[in-house]
Amino acid sequence: MSWRAGLTIVLLLAAIASGWSVWHQSGGNAETMAAVRSEYVLHDYELVSLDSQGKESFTLRGPRLQRDPGAKSMTLDTPKFLVPDRNGAYWDVKAQLGRVPDDGQQLQLRGQVVATSPTQVPPPTRIETEELNIFPNENRATSAAIVTLTRPGLTMRGRGLQADFDRQVSLLSDVRYHYVPTNR
């Protein structure tokens, strides 16, 4: 056997041993390695989601969207959602973070969530909270956190929220309000 053949065998055995070592230390299966990596990442995107009838359910914009292949969920950095009401006017909803679970039936927004009603639908309404769950197919939102709701002349603060983007917004408990009559 020549020295080149011997060196080739030694290098091949070293490569196999180091590959086995890395595989063994990572948990021993390819699924563990795949779960660490995103299925895909979108940068500076705009996504329009349609409901089962082909109508717009919501529009989503943001700087980064990442899909987790294991959980089949998506994480969103500083997402902006435009959620249409039944008349086609849009609620503008922003947050620091967002998550869409694997079933896609809700949008979970966390951190400095601000929702603003359509400008053409009075009264102008602003909702501020640290967490908001939006159910776009049902055109509603919920929260269990502290919520501040502001309208001209009225500020309400309470715990919990039930909102129907087509009809009304309700705070659920510990509600306090401040009313200042507006001059007409």
C-alpha atoms as a PDB file:
ATOM      1  CA  MET A   1       0.000   0.000   0.000  1.00  0.00           C
ATOM      2  CA  SER A   2       1.366   3.432  -0.916  1.00  0.00           C
ATOM      3  CA  TRP A   3       1.583   6.294   1.571  1.00  0.00           C
ATOM      4  CA  ARG A   4      -1.130   8.167  -0.362  1.00  0.00           C
ATOM      5  CA  ALA A   5      -3.606   5.318  -0.002  1.00  0.00           C
ATOM      6  CA  GLY A   6      -2.827   5.063   3.722  1.00  0.00           C
ATOM      7  CA  LEU A   7      -3.253   8.839   4.180  1.00  0.00           C
ATOM      8  CA  THR A   8      -6.581   8.726   2.288  1.00  0.00           C
ATOM      9  CA  ILE A   9      -7.892   5.960   4.570  1.00  0.00           C
ATOM     10  CA  VAL A  10      -6.773   7.824   7.719  1.00  0.00           C
ATOM     11  CA  LEU A  11      -8.455  11.076   6.530  1.00  0.00           C
ATOM     12  CA  LEU A  12     -11.635   9.210   5.576  1.00  0.00           C
ATOM     13  CA  LEU A  13     -11.818   7.571   9.018  1.00  0.00           C
ATOM     14  CA  ALA A  14     -11.207  10.958  10.706  1.00  0.00           C
ATOM     15  CA  ALA A  15     -14.017  12.550   8.664  1.00  0.00           C
ATOM     16  CA  ILE A  16     -16.428   9.733   9.570  1.00  0.00           C
ATOM     17  CA  ALA A  17     -15.486   9.947  13.271  1.00  0.00           C
ATOM     18  CA  SER A  18     -15.925  13.728  13.436  1.00  0.00           C
ATOM     19  CA  GLY A  19     -19.238  13.536  11.550  1.00  0.00           C
ATOM     20  CA  TRP A  20     -20.509  10.871  13.935  1.00  0.00           C
ATOM     21  CA  SER A  21     -19.376  12.995  16.905  1.00  0.00           C
ATOM     22  CA  VAL A  22     -21.269  16.080  15.681  1.00  0.00           C
ATOM     23  CA  TRP A  23     -24.370  14.011  14.915  1.00  0.00           C
ATOM     24  CA  HIS A  24     -24.242  12.333  18.332  1.00  0.00           C
ATOM     25  CA  GLN A  25     -23.815  15.627  20.233  1.00  0.00           C
ATOM     26  CA  SER A  26     -26.706  17.297  18.374  1.00  0.00           C
ATOM     27  CA  GLY A  27     -29.209  14.767  19.653  1.00  0.00           C
ATOM     28  CA  GLY A  28     -28.647  12.117  17.078  1.00  0.00           C
ATOM     29  CA  ASN A  29     -31.216  12.905  14.440  1.00  0.00           C
ATOM     30  CA  ALA A  30     -31.703  15.148  11.446  1.00  0.00           C
ATOM     31  CA  GLU A  31     -35.025  16.513  12.783  1.00  0.00           C
ATOM     32  CA  THR A  32     -33.198  18.198  15.675  1.00  0.00           C
ATOM     33  CA  MET A  33     -30.824  19.864  13.241  1.00  0.00           C
ATOM     34  CA  ALA A  34     -33.714  21.021  11.019  1.00  0.00           C
ATOM     35  CA  ALA A  35     -35.682  22.488  13.948  1.00  0.00           C
ATOM     36  CA  VAL A  36     -32.872  24.944  14.655  1.00  0.00           C
ATOM     37  CA  ARG A  37     -33.169  26.470  11.209  1.00  0.00           C
ATOM     38  CA  SER A  38     -36.118  28.418   9.805  1.00  0.00           C
ATOM     39  CA  GLU A  39     -38.098  26.969   6.949  1.00  0.00           C
ATOM     40  CA  TYR A  40     -37.990  30.396   5.292  1.00  0.00           C
ATOM     41  CA  VAL A  41     -37.418  34.046   6.148  1.00  0.00           C
ATOM     42  CA  LEU A  42     -39.018  37.007   4.363  1.00  0.00           C
ATOM     43  CA  HIS A  43     -37.591  40.522   4.522  1.00  0.00           C
ATOM     44  CA  ASP A  44     -39.548  43.729   3.790  1.00  0.00           C
ATOM     45  CA  TYR A  45     -42.662  41.821   2.794  1.00  0.00           C
ATOM     46  CA  GLU A  46     -46.340  42.465   2.167  1.00  0.00           C
ATOM     47  CA  LEU A  47     -48.758  39.569   2.412  1.00  0.00           C
ATOM     48  CA  VAL A  48     -52.492  39.636   1.628  1.00  0.00           C
ATOM     49  CA  SER A  49     -54.482  36.825   3.237  1.00  0.00           C
ATOM     50  CA  LEU A  50     -57.838  35.812   1.738  1.00  0.00           C
ATOM     51  CA  ASP A  51     -60.709  34.072   3.500  1.00  0.00           C
ATOM     52  CA  SER A  52     -62.532  30.997   2.147  1.00  0.00           C
ATOM     53  CA  GLN A  53     -64.760  33.208  -0.091  1.00  0.00           C
ATOM     54  CA  GLY A  54     -61.736  34.947  -1.630  1.00  0.00           C
ATOM     55  CA  LYS A  55     -62.255  38.221   0.248  1.00  0.00           C
ATOM     56  CA  GLU A  56     -59.358  39.960   1.939  1.00  0.00           C
ATOM     57  CA  SER A  57     -59.018  38.754   5.525  1.00  0.00           C
ATOM     58  CA  PHE A  58     -56.038  40.981   6.361  1.00  0.00           C
ATOM     59  CA  THR A  59     -52.919  42.520   4.890  1.00  0.00           C
ATOM     60  CA  LEU A  60     -49.638  42.081   6.727  1.00  0.00           C
ATOM     61  CA  ARG A  61     -46.498  44.179   6.270  1.00  0.00           C
ATOM     62  CA  GLY A  62     -43.203  44.063   8.098  1.00  0.00           C
ATOM     63  CA  PRO A  63     -39.441  43.964   7.967  1.00  0.00           C
ATOM     64  CA  ARG A  64     -39.050  40.257   8.850  1.00  0.00           C
ATOM     65  CA  LEU A  65     -41.211  37.112   8.904  1.00  0.00           C
ATOM     66  CA  GLN A  66     -39.773  33.747   9.898  1.00  0.00           C
ATOM     67  CA  ARG A  67     -41.471  30.336   9.678  1.00  0.00           C
ATOM     68  CA  ASP A  68     -40.570  27.628  12.192  1.00  0.00           C
ATOM     69  CA  PRO A  69     -40.784  24.233  10.445  1.00  0.00           C
ATOM     70  CA  GLY A  70     -41.231  22.227  13.668  1.00  0.00           C
ATOM     71  CA  ALA A  71     -44.105  24.205  15.162  1.00  0.00           C
ATOM     72  CA  LYS A  72     -45.336  25.370  11.734  1.00  0.00           C
ATOM     73  CA  SER A  73     -45.821  28.846  13.198  1.00  0.00           C
ATOM     74  CA  MET A  74     -44.568  32.225  12.033  1.00  0.00           C
ATOM     75  CA  THR A  75     -42.854  34.915  14.062  1.00  0.00           C
ATOM     76  CA  LEU A  76     -43.041  38.540  12.958  1.00  0.00           C
ATOM     77  CA  ASP A  77     -40.832  41.507  13.821  1.00  0.00           C
ATOM     78  CA  THR A  78     -42.712  44.838  14.145  1.00  0.00           C
ATOM     79  CA  PRO A  79     -45.724  43.664  12.155  1.00  0.00           C
ATOM     80  CA  LYS A  80     -48.371  46.004  10.755  1.00  0.00           C
ATOM     81  CA  PHE A  81     -51.786  44.493  10.050  1.00  0.00           C
ATOM     82  CA  LEU A  82     -54.522  46.143   8.025  1.00  0.00           C
ATOM     83  CA  VAL A  83     -57.802  44.464   8.977  1.00  0.00           C
ATOM     84  CA  PRO A  84     -60.851  45.412   6.880  1.00  0.00           C
ATOM     85  CA  ASP A  85     -64.247  45.930   8.460  1.00  0.00           C
ATOM     86  CA  ARG A  86     -67.411  44.833   6.636  1.00  0.00           C
ATOM     87  CA  ASN A  87     -67.438  48.099   4.622  1.00  0.00           C
ATOM     88  CA  GLY A  88     -63.846  47.707   3.413  1.00  0.00           C
ATOM     89  CA  ALA A  89     -62.356  50.364   5.712  1.00  0.00           C
ATOM     90  CA  TYR A  90     -59.155  49.289   7.468  1.00  0.00           C
ATOM     91  CA  TRP A  91     -58.162  49.018  11.108  1.00  0.00           C
ATOM     92  CA  ASP A  92     -54.424  49.689  11.390  1.00  0.00           C
ATOM     93  CA  VAL A  93     -52.802  47.403  14.001  1.00  0.00           C
ATOM     94  CA  LYS A  94     -49.090  47.555  14.936  1.00  0.00           C
ATOM     95  CA  ALA A  95     -46.941  45.729  17.501  1.00  0.00           C
ATOM     96  CA  GLN A  96     -43.334  44.981  18.378  1.00  0.00           C
ATOM     97  CA  LEU A  97     -43.734  41.226  17.904  1.00  0.00           C
ATOM     98  CA  GLY A  98     -46.251  38.928  16.323  1.00  0.00           C
ATOM     99  CA  ARG A  99     -46.856  35.212  16.066  1.00  0.00           C
ATOM    100  CA  VAL A 100     -49.178  33.231  13.830  1.00  0.00           C
ATOM    101  CA  PRO A 101     -49.799  29.717  15.246  1.00  0.00           C
ATOM    102  CA  ASP A 102     -49.831  26.724  12.912  1.00  0.00           C
ATOM    103  CA  ASP A 103     -53.615  26.764  12.399  1.00  0.00           C
ATOM    104  CA  GLY A 104     -53.468  30.348  11.093  1.00  0.00           C
ATOM    105  CA  GLN A 105     -56.768  31.215  12.784  1.00  0.00           C
ATOM    106  CA  GLN A 106     -55.361  33.964  14.991  1.00  0.00           C
ATOM    107  CA  LEU A 107     -52.663  36.605  15.074  1.00  0.00           C
ATOM    108  CA  GLN A 108     -50.960  37.014  18.447  1.00  0.00           C
ATOM    109  CA  LEU A 109     -49.489  40.500  18.884  1.00  0.00           C
ATOM    110  CA  ARG A 110     -47.210  41.395  21.794  1.00  0.00           C
ATOM    111  CA  GLY A 111     -45.449  44.541  22.956  1.00  0.00           C
ATOM    112  CA  GLN A 112     -46.725  48.090  22.476  1.00  0.00           C
ATOM    113  CA  VAL A 113     -49.771  47.051  20.466  1.00  0.00           C
ATOM    114  CA  VAL A 114     -51.658  49.979  18.932  1.00  0.00           C
ATOM    115  CA  ALA A 115     -54.873  49.565  16.920  1.00  0.00           C
ATOM    116  CA  THR A 116     -56.417  52.556  15.172  1.00  0.00           C
ATOM    117  CA  SER A 117     -59.903  52.550  13.682  1.00  0.00           C
ATOM    118  CA  PRO A 118     -60.571  53.564  10.071  1.00  0.00           C
ATOM    119  CA  THR A 119     -60.530  57.348   9.701  1.00  0.00           C
ATOM    120  CA  GLN A 120     -63.784  57.355   7.698  1.00  0.00           C
ATOM    121  CA  VAL A 121     -65.738  55.512  10.431  1.00  0.00           C
ATOM    122  CA  PRO A 122     -66.579  57.756  13.416  1.00  0.00           C
ATOM    123  CA  PRO A 123     -65.750  57.977  16.203  1.00  0.00           C
ATOM    124  CA  PRO A 124     -61.973  57.692  15.772  1.00  0.00           C
ATOM    125  CA  THR A 125     -60.812  54.994  18.170  1.00  0.00           C
ATOM    126  CA  ARG A 126     -57.333  54.078  19.395  1.00  0.00           C
ATOM    127  CA  ILE A 127     -56.618  50.908  21.395  1.00  0.00           C
ATOM    128  CA  GLU A 128     -53.327  50.463  23.262  1.00  0.00           C
ATOM    129  CA  THR A 129     -52.237  47.301  25.109  1.00  0.00           C
ATOM    130  CA  GLU A 130     -49.310  44.922  25.564  1.00  0.00           C
ATOM    131  CA  GLU A 131     -51.083  41.942  24.018  1.00  0.00           C
ATOM    132  CA  LEU A 132     -53.837  41.490  21.471  1.00  0.00           C
ATOM    133  CA  ASN A 133     -55.149  38.389  19.723  1.00  0.00           C
ATOM    134  CA  ILE A 134     -56.829  39.022  16.383  1.00  0.00           C
ATOM    135  CA  PHE A 135     -59.170  36.491  14.774  1.00  0.00           C
ATOM    136  CA  PRO A 136     -59.319  37.784  11.189  1.00  0.00           C
ATOM    137  CA  ASN A 137     -61.859  35.261   9.882  1.00  0.00           C
ATOM    138  CA  GLU A 138     -64.269  36.383  12.614  1.00  0.00           C
ATOM    139  CA  ASN A 139     -63.296  40.081  12.385  1.00  0.00           C
ATOM    140  CA  ARG A 140     -62.733  40.297  16.135  1.00  0.00           C
ATOM    141  CA  ALA A 141     -59.962  40.766  18.719  1.00  0.00           C
ATOM    142  CA  THR A 142     -59.424  39.876  22.372  1.00  0.00           C
ATOM    143  CA  SER A 143     -56.985  40.719  25.146  1.00  0.00           C
ATOM    144  CA  ALA A 144     -56.575  39.731  28.785  1.00  0.00           C
ATOM    145  CA  ALA A 145     -54.095  42.566  29.492  1.00  0.00           C
ATOM    146  CA  ILE A 146     -54.584  46.175  30.569  1.00  0.00           C
ATOM    147  CA  VAL A 147     -56.147  48.123  27.680  1.00  0.00           C
ATOM    148  CA  THR A 148     -56.457  51.865  27.072  1.00  0.00           C
ATOM    149  CA  LEU A 149     -59.180  52.949  24.659  1.00  0.00           C
ATOM    150  CA  THR A 150     -59.191  56.565  23.470  1.00  0.00           C
ATOM    151  CA  ARG A 151     -61.887  58.441  21.557  1.00  0.00           C
ATOM    152  CA  PRO A 152     -62.429  62.210  21.230  1.00  0.00           C
ATOM    153  CA  GLY A 153     -63.203  63.457  24.745  1.00  0.00           C
ATOM    154  CA  LEU A 154     -63.074  59.956  26.294  1.00  0.00           C
ATOM    155  CA  THR A 155     -60.288  57.809  27.700  1.00  0.00           C
ATOM    156  CA  MET A 156     -61.134  54.392  29.132  1.00  0.00           C
ATOM    157  CA  ARG A 157     -58.742  51.982  30.826  1.00  0.00           C
ATOM    158  CA  GLY A 158     -59.530  48.460  31.968  1.00  0.00           C
ATOM    159  CA  ARG A 159     -58.486  44.844  32.019  1.00  0.00           C
ATOM    160  CA  GLY A 160     -59.514  42.648  29.117  1.00  0.00           C
ATOM    161  CA  LEU A 161     -61.034  43.471  25.760  1.00  0.00           C
ATOM    162  CA  GLN A 162     -63.591  42.051  23.360  1.00  0.00           C
ATOM    163  CA  ALA A 163     -63.691  43.868  20.037  1.00  0.00           C
ATOM    164  CA  ASP A 164     -65.831  43.342  16.977  1.00  0.00           C
ATOM    165  CA  PHE A 165     -64.194  45.404  14.246  1.00  0.00           C
ATOM    166  CA  ASP A 166     -67.610  45.933  12.619  1.00  0.00           C
ATOM    167  CA  ARG A 167     -69.608  46.971  15.667  1.00  0.00           C
ATOM    168  CA  GLN A 168     -68.174  47.687  19.099  1.00  0.00           C
ATOM    169  CA  VAL A 169     -65.221  47.516  21.456  1.00  0.00           C
ATOM    170  CA  SER A 170     -65.782  46.511  25.088  1.00  0.00           C
ATOM    171  CA  LEU A 171     -63.469  46.592  28.094  1.00  0.00           C
ATOM    172  CA  LEU A 172     -64.220  43.711  30.450  1.00  0.00           C
ATOM    173  CA  SER A 173     -63.259  44.609  34.040  1.00  0.00           C
ATOM    174  CA  ASP A 174     -61.706  47.219  36.355  1.00  0.00           C
ATOM    175  CA  VAL A 175     -62.844  49.901  33.914  1.00  0.00           C
ATOM    176  CA  ARG A 176     -62.041  53.530  34.677  1.00  0.00           C
ATOM    177  CA  TYR A 177     -62.858  56.385  32.366  1.00  0.00           C
ATOM    178  CA  HIS A 178     -62.198  60.058  31.968  1.00  0.00           C
ATOM    179  CA  TYR A 179     -64.695  62.111  29.974  1.00  0.00           C
ATOM    180  CA  VAL A 180     -64.021  65.627  28.705  1.00  0.00           C
ATOM    181  CA  PRO A 181     -66.889  67.130  26.682  1.00  0.00           C
ATOM    182  CA  THR A 182     -65.797  68.364  23.293  1.00  0.00           C
ATOM    183  CA  ASN A 183     -66.940  71.730  21.969  1.00  0.00           C
ATOM    184  CA  ARG A 184     -69.033  71.487  18.837  1.00  0.00           C
END
